[in-house]
PDB file of all heavy atoms in Angstrom:
ATOM      1  N   ARG A   1     156.061  71.257 184.281  1.00  0.00           N
ATOM      2  CA  ARG A   1     156.600  72.576 183.944  1.00  0.00           C
ATOM      3  C   ARG A   1     157.373  72.411 182.535  1.00  0.00           C
ATOM      4  O   ARG A   1     157.225  73.402 181.746  1.00  0.00           O
ATOM      5  CB  ARG A   1     157.561  72.952 185.050  1.00  0.00           C
ATOM      6  CG  ARG A   1     158.024  74.454 184.817  1.00  0.00           C
ATOM      7  CD  ARG A   1     159.272  74.805 185.853  1.00  0.00           C
ATOM      8  NE  ARG A   1     160.419  73.988 185.614  1.00  0.00           N
ATOM      9  CZ  ARG A   1     161.218  74.193 184.536  1.00  0.00           C
ATOM     10  NH1 ARG A   1     160.919  75.246 183.664  1.00  0.00           N
ATOM     11  NH2 ARG A   1     162.332  73.468 184.435  1.00  0.00           N
ATOM     12  N   GLN A   2     158.034  71.392 182.277  1.00  0.00           N
ATOM     13  CA  GLN A   2     158.745  71.297 180.974  1.00  0.00           C
ATOM     14  C   GLN A   2     157.825  71.201 179.888  1.00  0.00           C
ATOM     15  O   GLN A   2     158.033  71.758 178.818  1.00  0.00           O
ATOM     16  CB  GLN A   2     159.613  70.069 181.127  1.00  0.00           C
ATOM     17  CG  GLN A   2     160.491  69.830 179.866  1.00  0.00           C
ATOM     18  CD  GLN A   2     161.483  71.152 179.619  1.00  0.00           C
ATOM     19  OE1 GLN A   2     162.268  71.473 180.534  1.00  0.00           O
ATOM     20  NE2 GLN A   2     161.341  71.604 178.470  1.00  0.00           N
ATOM     21  N   ALA A   3     156.709  70.343 179.990  1.00  0.00           N
ATOM     22  CA  ALA A   3     155.790  70.352 179.080  1.00  0.00           C
ATOM     23  C   ALA A   3     155.047  71.593 178.722  1.00  0.00           C
ATOM     24  O   ALA A   3     154.921  71.852 177.538  1.00  0.00           O
ATOM     25  CB  ALA A   3     154.783  69.245 179.409  1.00  0.00           C
ATOM     26  N   LEU A   4     154.679  72.381 179.630  1.00  0.00           N
ATOM     27  CA  LEU A   4     154.099  73.669 179.417  1.00  0.00           C
ATOM     28  C   LEU A   4     155.094  74.600 178.781  1.00  0.00           C
ATOM     29  O   LEU A   4     154.751  75.441 177.875  1.00  0.00           O
ATOM     30  CB  LEU A   4     153.785  74.253 180.792  1.00  0.00           C
ATOM     31  CG  LEU A   4     152.382  73.549 181.392  1.00  0.00           C
ATOM     32  CD1 LEU A   4     152.076  74.067 182.838  1.00  0.00           C
ATOM     33  CD2 LEU A   4     151.303  73.643 180.574  1.00  0.00           C
ATOM     34  N   SER A   5     156.380  74.603 179.248  1.00  0.00           N
ATOM     35  CA  SER A   5     157.422  75.488 178.512  1.00  0.00           C
ATOM     36  C   SER A   5     157.494  75.023 177.108  1.00  0.00           C
ATOM     37  O   SER A   5     157.779  75.931 176.234  1.00  0.00           O
ATOM     38  CB  SER A   5     158.718  75.210 179.297  1.00  0.00           C
ATOM     39  OG  SER A   5     159.685  76.032 178.645  1.00  0.00           O
ATOM     40  N   ASP A   6     157.430  73.801 176.651  1.00  0.00           N
ATOM     41  CA  ASP A   6     157.572  73.474 175.419  1.00  0.00           C
ATOM     42  C   ASP A   6     156.477  73.739 174.484  1.00  0.00           C
ATOM     43  O   ASP A   6     156.676  73.941 173.248  1.00  0.00           O
ATOM     44  CB  ASP A   6     157.659  71.757 175.391  1.00  0.00           C
ATOM     45  CG  ASP A   6     158.956  71.130 175.941  1.00  0.00           C
ATOM     46  OD1 ASP A   6     159.935  72.029 176.175  1.00  0.00           O
ATOM     47  OD2 ASP A   6     158.971  69.990 176.149  1.00  0.00           O
ATOM     48  N   VAL A   7     155.266  74.032 174.971  1.00  0.00           N
ATOM     49  CA  VAL A   7     154.150  74.569 174.237  1.00  0.00           C
ATOM     50  C   VAL A   7     154.002  76.038 174.302  1.00  0.00           C
ATOM     51  O   VAL A   7     153.074  76.618 173.688  1.00  0.00           O
ATOM     52  CB  VAL A   7     152.822  73.939 174.434  1.00  0.00           C
ATOM     53  CG1 VAL A   7     152.916  72.437 174.178  1.00  0.00           C
ATOM     54  CG2 VAL A   7     152.319  74.098 175.927  1.00  0.00           C
ATOM     55  N   GLY A   8     154.976  76.848 174.960  1.00  0.00           N
ATOM     56  CA  GLY A   8     154.980  78.195 174.880  1.00  0.00           C
ATOM     57  C   GLY A   8     154.394  79.008 176.067  1.00  0.00           C
ATOM     58  O   GLY A   8     154.125  80.145 176.031  1.00  0.00           O
ATOM     59  N   VAL A   9     154.157  78.292 177.126  1.00  0.00           N
ATOM     60  CA  VAL A   9     153.811  78.971 178.422  1.00  0.00           C
ATOM     61  C   VAL A   9     155.004  79.655 179.050  1.00  0.00           C
ATOM     62  O   VAL A   9     155.992  78.990 179.134  1.00  0.00           O
ATOM     63  CB  VAL A   9     153.161  77.936 179.449  1.00  0.00           C
ATOM     64  CG1 VAL A   9     152.838  78.644 180.627  1.00  0.00           C
ATOM     65  CG2 VAL A   9     151.927  77.301 178.784  1.00  0.00           C
ATOM     66  N   MET A  10     154.724  80.983 179.224  1.00  0.00           N
ATOM     67  CA  MET A  10     155.942  81.862 179.721  1.00  0.00           C
ATOM     68  C   MET A  10     155.982  81.746 181.233  1.00  0.00           C
ATOM     69  O   MET A  10     157.026  82.097 181.785  1.00  0.00           O
ATOM     70  CB  MET A  10     155.839  83.248 179.241  1.00  0.00           C
ATOM     71  CG  MET A  10     155.919  83.375 177.728  1.00  0.00           C
ATOM     72  SD  MET A  10     157.506  82.884 177.257  1.00  0.00           S
ATOM     73  CE  MET A  10     157.343  82.759 175.505  1.00  0.00           C
ATOM     74  N   GLY A  11     154.919  81.506 181.912  1.00  0.00           N
ATOM     75  CA  GLY A  11     154.925  81.574 183.422  1.00  0.00           C
ATOM     76  C   GLY A  11     153.728  80.935 184.017  1.00  0.00           C
ATOM     77  O   GLY A  11     152.746  80.641 183.333  1.00  0.00           O
ATOM     78  N   LEU A  12     153.874  80.508 185.279  1.00  0.00           N
ATOM     79  CA  LEU A  12     152.795  80.042 186.013  1.00  0.00           C
ATOM     80  C   LEU A  12     152.969  80.130 187.530  1.00  0.00           C
ATOM     81  O   LEU A  12     154.072  80.417 187.926  1.00  0.00           O
ATOM     82  CB  LEU A  12     152.578  78.452 185.740  1.00  0.00           C
ATOM     83  CG  LEU A  12     153.666  77.510 186.265  1.00  0.00           C
ATOM     84  CD1 LEU A  12     152.933  76.285 186.744  1.00  0.00           C
ATOM     85  CD2 LEU A  12     154.671  77.171 185.155  1.00  0.00           C
ATOM     86  N   THR A  13     151.882  80.003 188.197  1.00  0.00           N
ATOM     87  CA  THR A  13     151.898  80.213 189.625  1.00  0.00           C
ATOM     88  C   THR A  13     151.570  78.829 190.317  1.00  0.00           C
ATOM     89  O   THR A  13     150.735  78.071 189.746  1.00  0.00           O
ATOM     90  CB  THR A  13     150.910  81.196 190.140  1.00  0.00           C
ATOM     91  OG1 THR A  13     151.104  82.456 189.518  1.00  0.00           O
ATOM     92  CG2 THR A  13     150.815  81.278 191.686  1.00  0.00           C
ATOM     93  N   VAL A  14     152.365  78.408 191.315  1.00  0.00           N
ATOM     94  CA  VAL A  14     152.202  77.046 191.906  1.00  0.00           C
ATOM     95  C   VAL A  14     152.078  77.322 193.368  1.00  0.00           C
ATOM     96  O   VAL A  14     152.659  78.085 194.096  1.00  0.00           O
ATOM     97  CB  VAL A  14     153.523  76.296 191.815  1.00  0.00           C
ATOM     98  CG1 VAL A  14     153.359  74.958 192.490  1.00  0.00           C
ATOM     99  CG2 VAL A  14     153.853  75.982 190.345  1.00  0.00           C
ATOM    100  N   SER A  15     150.972  76.644 193.970  1.00  0.00           N
ATOM    101  CA  SER A  15     150.625  76.586 195.374  1.00  0.00           C
ATOM    102  C   SER A  15     150.537  75.266 195.926  1.00  0.00           C
ATOM    103  O   SER A  15     150.015  74.432 195.192  1.00  0.00           O
ATOM    104  CB  SER A  15     149.233  77.341 195.537  1.00  0.00           C
ATOM    105  OG  SER A  15     149.234  78.697 195.026  1.00  0.00           O
ATOM    106  N   GLU A  16     150.983  75.130 197.096  1.00  0.00           N
ATOM    107  CA  GLU A  16     150.702  73.844 197.849  1.00  0.00           C
ATOM    108  C   GLU A  16     149.340  73.842 198.462  1.00  0.00           C
ATOM    109  O   GLU A  16     149.133  74.761 199.139  1.00  0.00           O
ATOM    110  CB  GLU A  16     151.769  73.658 198.823  1.00  0.00           C
ATOM    111  CG  GLU A  16     153.217  73.457 198.290  1.00  0.00           C
ATOM    112  CD  GLU A  16     154.180  73.083 199.329  1.00  0.00           C
ATOM    113  OE1 GLU A  16     153.878  73.126 200.532  1.00  0.00           O
ATOM    114  OE2 GLU A  16     155.493  73.144 198.952  1.00  0.00           O
ATOM    115  N   VAL A  17     148.665  72.791 198.096  1.00  0.00           N
ATOM    116  CA  VAL A  17     147.177  72.759 198.624  1.00  0.00           C
ATOM    117  C   VAL A  17     146.993  71.336 199.251  1.00  0.00           C
ATOM    118  O   VAL A  17     147.789  70.443 198.960  1.00  0.00           O
ATOM    119  CB  VAL A  17     146.139  73.104 197.617  1.00  0.00           C
ATOM    120  CG1 VAL A  17     146.412  74.571 197.112  1.00  0.00           C
ATOM    121  CG2 VAL A  17     146.218  72.088 196.318  1.00  0.00           C
ATOM    122  N   LYS A  18     145.788  71.109 199.766  1.00  0.00           N
ATOM    123  CA  LYS A  18     145.449  69.784 200.300  1.00  0.00           C
ATOM    124  C   LYS A  18     144.075  69.649 199.894  1.00  0.00           C
ATOM    125  O   LYS A  18     143.255  70.610 199.958  1.00  0.00           O
ATOM    126  CB  LYS A  18     145.645  69.708 201.770  1.00  0.00           C
ATOM    127  CG  LYS A  18     147.038  69.661 202.252  1.00  0.00           C
ATOM    128  CD  LYS A  18     147.135  69.472 203.721  1.00  0.00           C
ATOM    129  CE  LYS A  18     148.531  69.509 204.180  1.00  0.00           C
ATOM    130  NZ  LYS A  18     148.755  69.256 205.673  1.00  0.00           N
ATOM    131  N   GLY A  19     143.600  68.472 199.634  1.00  0.00           N
ATOM    132  CA  GLY A  19     142.296  68.168 199.251  1.00  0.00           C
ATOM    133  C   GLY A  19     141.975  66.642 199.131  1.00  0.00           C
ATOM    134  O   GLY A  19     142.845  65.870 199.322  1.00  0.00           O
ATOM    135  N   TYR A  20     140.737  66.438 198.677  1.00  0.00           N
ATOM    136  CA  TYR A  20     140.410  65.011 198.309  1.00  0.00           C
ATOM    137  C   TYR A  20     139.410  65.041 197.242  1.00  0.00           C
ATOM    138  O   TYR A  20     138.652  65.903 197.071  1.00  0.00           O
ATOM    139  CB  TYR A  20     140.052  64.194 199.520  1.00  0.00           C
ATOM    140  CG  TYR A  20     138.786  64.617 200.008  1.00  0.00           C
ATOM    141  CD1 TYR A  20     137.531  63.917 199.505  1.00  0.00           C
ATOM    142  CD2 TYR A  20     138.586  65.580 201.102  1.00  0.00           C
ATOM    143  CE1 TYR A  20     136.274  64.400 200.163  1.00  0.00           C
ATOM    144  CE2 TYR A  20     137.346  65.921 201.524  1.00  0.00           C
ATOM    145  CZ  TYR A  20     136.217  65.341 201.178  1.00  0.00           C
ATOM    146  OH  TYR A  20     134.991  65.691 201.540  1.00  0.00           O
ATOM    147  N   GLY A  21     139.313  64.000 196.490  1.00  0.00           N
ATOM    148  CA  GLY A  21     138.383  63.838 195.512  1.00  0.00           C
ATOM    149  C   GLY A  21     137.558  62.378 195.869  1.00  0.00           C
ATOM    150  O   GLY A  21     137.271  61.959 196.924  1.00  0.00           O
ATOM    151  N   ARG A  22     137.463  61.583 194.702  1.00  0.00           N
ATOM    152  CA  ARG A  22     136.897  60.315 194.813  1.00  0.00           C
ATOM    153  C   ARG A  22     137.649  59.340 195.737  1.00  0.00           C
ATOM    154  O   ARG A  22     137.073  58.474 196.349  1.00  0.00           O
ATOM    155  CB  ARG A  22     136.796  59.703 193.516  1.00  0.00           C
ATOM    156  CG  ARG A  22     135.742  60.252 192.612  1.00  0.00           C
ATOM    157  CD  ARG A  22     135.672  59.564 191.307  1.00  0.00           C
ATOM    158  NE  ARG A  22     134.634  60.328 190.499  1.00  0.00           N
ATOM    159  CZ  ARG A  22     134.407  59.990 189.237  1.00  0.00           C
ATOM    160  NH1 ARG A  22     135.226  59.060 188.680  1.00  0.00           N
ATOM    161  NH2 ARG A  22     133.514  60.670 188.512  1.00  0.00           N
ATOM    162  N   GLN A  23     139.016  59.459 195.869  1.00  0.00           N
ATOM    163  CA  GLN A  23     139.724  58.645 196.701  1.00  0.00           C
ATOM    164  C   GLN A  23     139.631  58.790 198.221  1.00  0.00           C
ATOM    165  O   GLN A  23     139.903  58.002 199.004  1.00  0.00           O
ATOM    166  CB  GLN A  23     141.272  58.801 196.282  1.00  0.00           C
ATOM    167  CG  GLN A  23     141.974  59.883 197.041  1.00  0.00           C
ATOM    168  CD  GLN A  23     141.926  61.332 196.228  1.00  0.00           C
ATOM    169  OE1 GLN A  23     141.222  61.485 195.436  1.00  0.00           O
ATOM    170  NE2 GLN A  23     142.857  62.250 196.683  1.00  0.00           N
ATOM    171  N   LYS A  24     138.900  60.081 198.646  1.00  0.00           N
ATOM    172  CA  LYS A  24     138.610  60.209 199.924  1.00  0.00           C
ATOM    173  C   LYS A  24     139.863  60.056 200.941  1.00  0.00           C
ATOM    174  O   LYS A  24     139.711  59.619 202.031  1.00  0.00           O
ATOM    175  CB  LYS A  24     137.518  59.328 200.468  1.00  0.00           C
ATOM    176  CG  LYS A  24     136.297  59.430 199.604  1.00  0.00           C
ATOM    177  CD  LYS A  24     135.519  60.562 199.929  1.00  0.00           C
ATOM    178  CE  LYS A  24     134.140  60.469 199.387  1.00  0.00           C
ATOM    179  NZ  LYS A  24     133.756  61.607 198.410  1.00  0.00           N
ATOM    180  N   GLY A  25     141.035  60.502 200.430  1.00  0.00           N
ATOM    181  CA  GLY A  25     142.169  60.456 201.341  1.00  0.00           C
ATOM    182  C   GLY A  25     142.745  59.019 201.307  1.00  0.00           C
ATOM    183  O   GLY A  25     142.482  58.150 200.374  1.00  0.00           O
ATOM    184  N   HIS A  26     143.552  58.615 202.248  1.00  0.00           N
ATOM    185  CA  HIS A  26     144.219  57.305 202.196  1.00  0.00           C
ATOM    186  C   HIS A  26     144.718  57.066 203.682  1.00  0.00           C
ATOM    187  O   HIS A  26     144.844  57.870 204.538  1.00  0.00           O
ATOM    188  CB  HIS A  26     145.434  57.153 201.240  1.00  0.00           C
ATOM    189  CG  HIS A  26     146.469  58.129 201.392  1.00  0.00           C
ATOM    190  ND1 HIS A  26     146.445  59.472 201.060  1.00  0.00           N
ATOM    191  CD2 HIS A  26     147.686  57.863 202.079  1.00  0.00           C
ATOM    192  CE1 HIS A  26     147.596  59.989 201.402  1.00  0.00           C
ATOM    193  NE2 HIS A  26     148.336  59.166 202.033  1.00  0.00           N
ATOM    194  N   SER A  27     145.158  55.712 203.855  1.00  0.00           N
ATOM    195  CA  SER A  27     145.723  55.355 205.127  1.00  0.00           C
ATOM    196  C   SER A  27     147.262  55.419 204.947  1.00  0.00           C
ATOM    197  O   SER A  27     147.812  54.975 203.986  1.00  0.00           O
ATOM    198  CB  SER A  27     145.292  53.909 205.517  1.00  0.00           C
ATOM    199  OG  SER A  27     143.927  53.982 205.717  1.00  0.00           O
ATOM    200  N   GLU A  28     147.955  55.648 206.032  1.00  0.00           N
ATOM    201  CA  GLU A  28     149.422  55.613 206.015  1.00  0.00           C
ATOM    202  C   GLU A  28     149.794  54.984 207.387  1.00  0.00           C
ATOM    203  O   GLU A  28     149.046  55.011 208.343  1.00  0.00           O
ATOM    204  CB  GLU A  28     150.044  56.876 205.957  1.00  0.00           C
ATOM    205  CG  GLU A  28     150.027  57.522 204.650  1.00  0.00           C
ATOM    206  CD  GLU A  28     150.859  58.744 204.442  1.00  0.00           C
ATOM    207  OE1 GLU A  28     151.513  59.152 205.328  1.00  0.00           O
ATOM    208  OE2 GLU A  28     150.836  59.369 203.373  1.00  0.00           O
ATOM    209  N   ILE A  29     150.996  54.333 207.472  1.00  0.00           N
ATOM    210  CA  ILE A  29     151.552  53.765 208.676  1.00  0.00           C
ATOM    211  C   ILE A  29     152.805  54.683 208.983  1.00  0.00           C
ATOM    212  O   ILE A  29     153.659  54.817 208.179  1.00  0.00           O
ATOM    213  CB  ILE A  29     151.950  52.357 208.407  1.00  0.00           C
ATOM    214  CG1 ILE A  29     150.766  51.515 208.088  1.00  0.00           C
ATOM    215  CG2 ILE A  29     152.609  51.760 209.686  1.00  0.00           C
ATOM    216  CD1 ILE A  29     150.915  50.085 207.866  1.00  0.00           C
ATOM    217  N   TYR A  30     152.719  55.101 210.214  1.00  0.00           N
ATOM    218  CA  TYR A  30     153.868  55.904 210.705  1.00  0.00           C
ATOM    219  C   TYR A  30     154.222  55.369 212.113  1.00  0.00           C
ATOM    220  O   TYR A  30     153.468  55.228 212.994  1.00  0.00           O
ATOM    221  CB  TYR A  30     153.489  57.373 210.826  1.00  0.00           C
ATOM    222  CG  TYR A  30     154.600  58.351 211.346  1.00  0.00           C
ATOM    223  CD1 TYR A  30     155.629  58.631 210.554  1.00  0.00           C
ATOM    224  CD2 TYR A  30     154.584  58.859 212.684  1.00  0.00           C
ATOM    225  CE1 TYR A  30     156.692  59.380 211.107  1.00  0.00           C
ATOM    226  CE2 TYR A  30     155.465  59.684 213.047  1.00  0.00           C
ATOM    227  CZ  TYR A  30     156.625  59.881 212.235  1.00  0.00           C
ATOM    228  OH  TYR A  30     157.640  60.798 212.799  1.00  0.00           O
ATOM    229  N   ARG A  31     155.575  54.955 212.191  1.00  0.00           N
ATOM    230  CA  ARG A  31     156.048  54.357 213.494  1.00  0.00           C
ATOM    231  C   ARG A  31     155.127  53.246 213.967  1.00  0.00           C
ATOM    232  O   ARG A  31     154.909  53.020 215.154  1.00  0.00           O
ATOM    233  CB  ARG A  31     156.271  55.357 214.451  1.00  0.00           C
ATOM    234  CG  ARG A  31     157.400  56.371 214.102  1.00  0.00           C
ATOM    235  CD  ARG A  31     157.767  57.273 215.189  1.00  0.00           C
ATOM    236  NE  ARG A  31     158.827  58.157 214.844  1.00  0.00           N
ATOM    237  CZ  ARG A  31     159.415  58.958 215.560  1.00  0.00           C
ATOM    238  NH1 ARG A  31     158.995  59.197 216.747  1.00  0.00           N
ATOM    239  NH2 ARG A  31     160.467  59.676 215.099  1.00  0.00           N
ATOM    240  N   GLY A  32     154.696  52.480 213.021  1.00  0.00           N
ATOM    241  CA  GLY A  32     153.864  51.326 213.340  1.00  0.00           C
ATOM    242  C   GLY A  32     152.382  51.507 213.647  1.00  0.00           C
ATOM    243  O   GLY A  32     151.652  50.653 213.832  1.00  0.00           O
ATOM    244  N   ALA A  33     152.084  52.683 213.655  1.00  0.00           N
ATOM    245  CA  ALA A  33     150.600  53.137 213.764  1.00  0.00           C
ATOM    246  C   ALA A  33     150.001  53.464 212.460  1.00  0.00           C
ATOM    247  O   ALA A  33     150.505  54.377 211.806  1.00  0.00           O
ATOM    248  CB  ALA A  33     150.424  54.143 214.823  1.00  0.00           C
ATOM    249  N   GLU A  34     148.811  53.001 212.239  1.00  0.00           N
ATOM    250  CA  GLU A  34     147.950  53.258 211.057  1.00  0.00           C
ATOM    251  C   GLU A  34     146.991  54.494 211.293  1.00  0.00           C
ATOM    252  O   GLU A  34     146.564  54.525 212.274  1.00  0.00           O
ATOM    253  CB  GLU A  34     147.257  52.206 210.479  1.00  0.00           C
ATOM    254  CG  GLU A  34     146.544  52.539 209.204  1.00  0.00           C
ATOM    255  CD  GLU A  34     145.759  51.262 208.666  1.00  0.00           C
ATOM    256  OE1 GLU A  34     145.950  50.121 209.198  1.00  0.00           O
ATOM    257  OE2 GLU A  34     145.125  51.448 207.613  1.00  0.00           O
ATOM    258  N   TYR A  35     147.119  55.441 210.387  1.00  0.00           N
ATOM    259  CA  TYR A  35     146.279  56.600 210.608  1.00  0.00           C
ATOM    260  C   TYR A  35     145.704  57.057 209.188  1.00  0.00           C
ATOM    261  O   TYR A  35     146.236  56.695 208.126  1.00  0.00           O
ATOM    262  CB  TYR A  35     146.965  57.812 211.294  1.00  0.00           C
ATOM    263  CG  TYR A  35     147.993  58.493 210.517  1.00  0.00           C
ATOM    264  CD1 TYR A  35     147.870  59.508 209.885  1.00  0.00           C
ATOM    265  CD2 TYR A  35     149.367  57.728 210.651  1.00  0.00           C
ATOM    266  CE1 TYR A  35     149.026  60.100 209.170  1.00  0.00           C
ATOM    267  CE2 TYR A  35     150.472  58.361 210.010  1.00  0.00           C
ATOM    268  CZ  TYR A  35     150.204  59.538 209.161  1.00  0.00           C
ATOM    269  OH  TYR A  35     151.326  60.089 208.530  1.00  0.00           O
ATOM    270  N   GLU A  36     144.652  57.763 209.253  1.00  0.00           N
ATOM    271  CA  GLU A  36     143.889  58.204 208.112  1.00  0.00           C
ATOM    272  C   GLU A  36     144.389  59.557 207.635  1.00  0.00           C
ATOM    273  O   GLU A  36     144.403  60.370 208.498  1.00  0.00           O
ATOM    274  CB  GLU A  36     142.412  58.294 208.212  1.00  0.00           C
ATOM    275  CG  GLU A  36     141.689  56.871 208.217  1.00  0.00           C
ATOM    276  CD  GLU A  36     141.743  56.117 206.897  1.00  0.00           C
ATOM    277  OE1 GLU A  36     141.528  56.856 205.897  1.00  0.00           O
ATOM    278  OE2 GLU A  36     142.078  54.985 206.999  1.00  0.00           O
ATOM    279  N   VAL A  37     144.775  59.806 206.390  1.00  0.00           N
ATOM    280  CA  VAL A  37     145.049  61.104 205.845  1.00  0.00           C
ATOM    281  C   VAL A  37     143.824  61.546 205.080  1.00  0.00           C
ATOM    282  O   VAL A  37     143.602  61.045 203.923  1.00  0.00           O
ATOM    283  CB  VAL A  37     146.276  61.060 204.972  1.00  0.00           C
ATOM    284  CG1 VAL A  37     146.662  62.450 204.378  1.00  0.00           C
ATOM    285  CG2 VAL A  37     147.525  60.517 205.764  1.00  0.00           C
ATOM    286  N   ALA A  38     143.003  62.360 205.650  1.00  0.00           N
ATOM    287  CA  ALA A  38     141.779  62.764 204.987  1.00  0.00           C
ATOM    288  C   ALA A  38     142.145  63.794 203.824  1.00  0.00           C
ATOM    289  O   ALA A  38     141.356  63.765 202.879  1.00  0.00           O
ATOM    290  CB  ALA A  38     140.880  63.528 206.059  1.00  0.00           C
ATOM    291  N   PHE A  39     143.037  64.710 204.009  1.00  0.00           N
ATOM    292  CA  PHE A  39     143.340  65.594 202.940  1.00  0.00           C
ATOM    293  C   PHE A  39     144.667  65.320 202.278  1.00  0.00           C
ATOM    294  O   PHE A  39     145.764  65.221 202.978  1.00  0.00           O
ATOM    295  CB  PHE A  39     143.420  67.046 203.469  1.00  0.00           C
ATOM    296  CG  PHE A  39     141.968  67.452 203.844  1.00  0.00           C
ATOM    297  CD1 PHE A  39     141.593  67.418 205.224  1.00  0.00           C
ATOM    298  CD2 PHE A  39     141.010  67.856 202.880  1.00  0.00           C
ATOM    299  CE1 PHE A  39     140.423  67.782 205.652  1.00  0.00           C
ATOM    300  CE2 PHE A  39     139.859  68.208 203.340  1.00  0.00           C
ATOM    301  CZ  PHE A  39     139.459  68.206 204.589  1.00  0.00           C
ATOM    302  N   VAL A  40     144.845  65.023 200.938  1.00  0.00           N
ATOM    303  CA  VAL A  40     145.933  64.623 200.204  1.00  0.00           C
ATOM    304  C   VAL A  40     146.701  65.833 199.763  1.00  0.00           C
ATOM    305  O   VAL A  40     146.131  66.768 199.239  1.00  0.00           O
ATOM    306  CB  VAL A  40     145.531  63.679 199.160  1.00  0.00           C
ATOM    307  CG1 VAL A  40     146.865  63.223 198.401  1.00  0.00           C
ATOM    308  CG2 VAL A  40     144.783  62.430 199.654  1.00  0.00           C
ATOM    309  N   PRO A  41     148.099  65.863 200.020  1.00  0.00           N
ATOM    310  CA  PRO A  41     148.867  67.031 199.474  1.00  0.00           C
ATOM    311  C   PRO A  41     148.852  67.092 197.978  1.00  0.00           C
ATOM    312  O   PRO A  41     149.019  66.046 197.206  1.00  0.00           O
ATOM    313  CB  PRO A  41     150.285  66.731 199.901  1.00  0.00           C
ATOM    314  CG  PRO A  41     150.198  65.656 200.872  1.00  0.00           C
ATOM    315  CD  PRO A  41     148.826  65.011 200.710  1.00  0.00           C
ATOM    316  N   LYS A  42     148.522  68.252 197.315  1.00  0.00           N
ATOM    317  CA  LYS A  42     148.604  68.450 195.952  1.00  0.00           C
ATOM    318  C   LYS A  42     149.164  69.715 195.588  1.00  0.00           C
ATOM    319  O   LYS A  42     149.531  70.516 196.479  1.00  0.00           O
ATOM    320  CB  LYS A  42     147.192  68.496 195.329  1.00  0.00           C
ATOM    321  CG  LYS A  42     146.251  67.247 195.690  1.00  0.00           C
ATOM    322  CD  LYS A  42     146.584  66.082 194.758  1.00  0.00           C
ATOM    323  CE  LYS A  42     145.589  64.985 195.131  1.00  0.00           C
ATOM    324  NZ  LYS A  42     145.396  63.974 193.955  1.00  0.00           N
ATOM    325  N   LEU A  43     149.376  70.052 194.379  1.00  0.00           N
ATOM    326  CA  LEU A  43     149.934  71.239 193.791  1.00  0.00           C
ATOM    327  C   LEU A  43     148.805  72.036 193.011  1.00  0.00           C
ATOM    328  O   LEU A  43     148.127  71.262 192.268  1.00  0.00           O
ATOM    329  CB  LEU A  43     151.028  71.280 193.058  1.00  0.00           C
ATOM    330  CG  LEU A  43     152.449  70.759 193.670  1.00  0.00           C
ATOM    331  CD1 LEU A  43     153.516  70.635 192.867  1.00  0.00           C
ATOM    332  CD2 LEU A  43     152.676  71.671 195.058  1.00  0.00           C
ATOM    333  N   ARG A  44     148.554  73.290 193.168  1.00  0.00           N
ATOM    334  CA  ARG A  44     147.585  74.038 192.315  1.00  0.00           C
ATOM    335  C   ARG A  44     148.464  74.850 191.398  1.00  0.00           C
ATOM    336  O   ARG A  44     149.220  75.695 191.875  1.00  0.00           O
ATOM    337  CB  ARG A  44     146.692  74.791 193.238  1.00  0.00           C
ATOM    338  CG  ARG A  44     145.677  75.618 192.415  1.00  0.00           C
ATOM    339  CD  ARG A  44     144.922  76.489 193.363  1.00  0.00           C
ATOM    340  NE  ARG A  44     144.009  77.411 192.504  1.00  0.00           N
ATOM    341  CZ  ARG A  44     142.833  77.680 192.874  1.00  0.00           C
ATOM    342  NH1 ARG A  44     142.211  77.018 193.877  1.00  0.00           N
ATOM    343  NH2 ARG A  44     142.246  78.529 192.058  1.00  0.00           N
TER     344      ARG A  44
END
């Protein structure tokens, strides 16, 4: 946001999204159990 403001962008829209690309998600450990996160949180 700061970099865009510095080059003259006056406004933008931000949405929380989930998806995956080449990384195909990732594994996480929660309370000792490992599980696959197929869709990674991103911002659009």
